[in-house]
């Protein structure tokens, strides 16, 4: 009996440029292709890493770069980087702004500084008509507040772990929610319940590799090919056919990031 081919999937958030892939990136990319991962959205996290992200994404047609200033690296960012980011967005025309957002989980989080940087990047996303890739950890309420204040209506909150009410509000604002390895763990009952009920047209799949490995690869370096496990896990929670979930989440990513791919 012939094996059914895997439907096309898109990893909507993966750090393929990470140095932890430096020694075997070619193999990692080939494994993803064999898993039918047809595109990877690769967000840069700081000004010093934008050139590396650009170089690696330019070399592989299925990698799509984003540029931003991540809240966990506030000590690296200064206001001159915001001006430089605007220049990069205008010159490079990436598929999104990001990764950016708010993280109040980190020790001694400078909330005011994070909010300043995030608000500036929301304004740039609106100016350049780009979606935004948002990191929100222990800070979803302020993320929603700043999105509302910005008037920006296109993006994704990656690795979402907020409440059902917060999810509904973000979807109403025009945002997608992306889920990765965390949802594959049986103990993540609240998150799994949320994923089971959200509208399919608001969902994206991600790995966040090399971090956030799924339950089947716990303790290992995560890889984009493991997106298959995320898809299969989410499919087991929902009433739709797995192929329908794959098709919908792939179309969602194509639409959000305006990828030059066919539905």
Foldseek 3Di string as FASTA:
>chain_A
DDDDQADAAEAAEAALLDPVCVVPSVVLVVLQVSLNDQAYEHEDAAPVCVVSLVVVCVVDVRYFYAYEHAQVPLVRDDVVVLVVNLVCCVPVVTLAHDDAEDAPPDPPRPRVSSLVRVLSRLLSCVVSVHAYEYEQHPHLVVRLVSNVVSLDQAYEDEQDDDALVSQVSNVVSNYAYEHEQVCQDPVSVRVLVSLQPDDLLRYAYHHHFQDNHHPVQPPHGDGSSCSVVVLVSSCVSYDDDSSVSRVNNRVSSCVRSVDPDDD
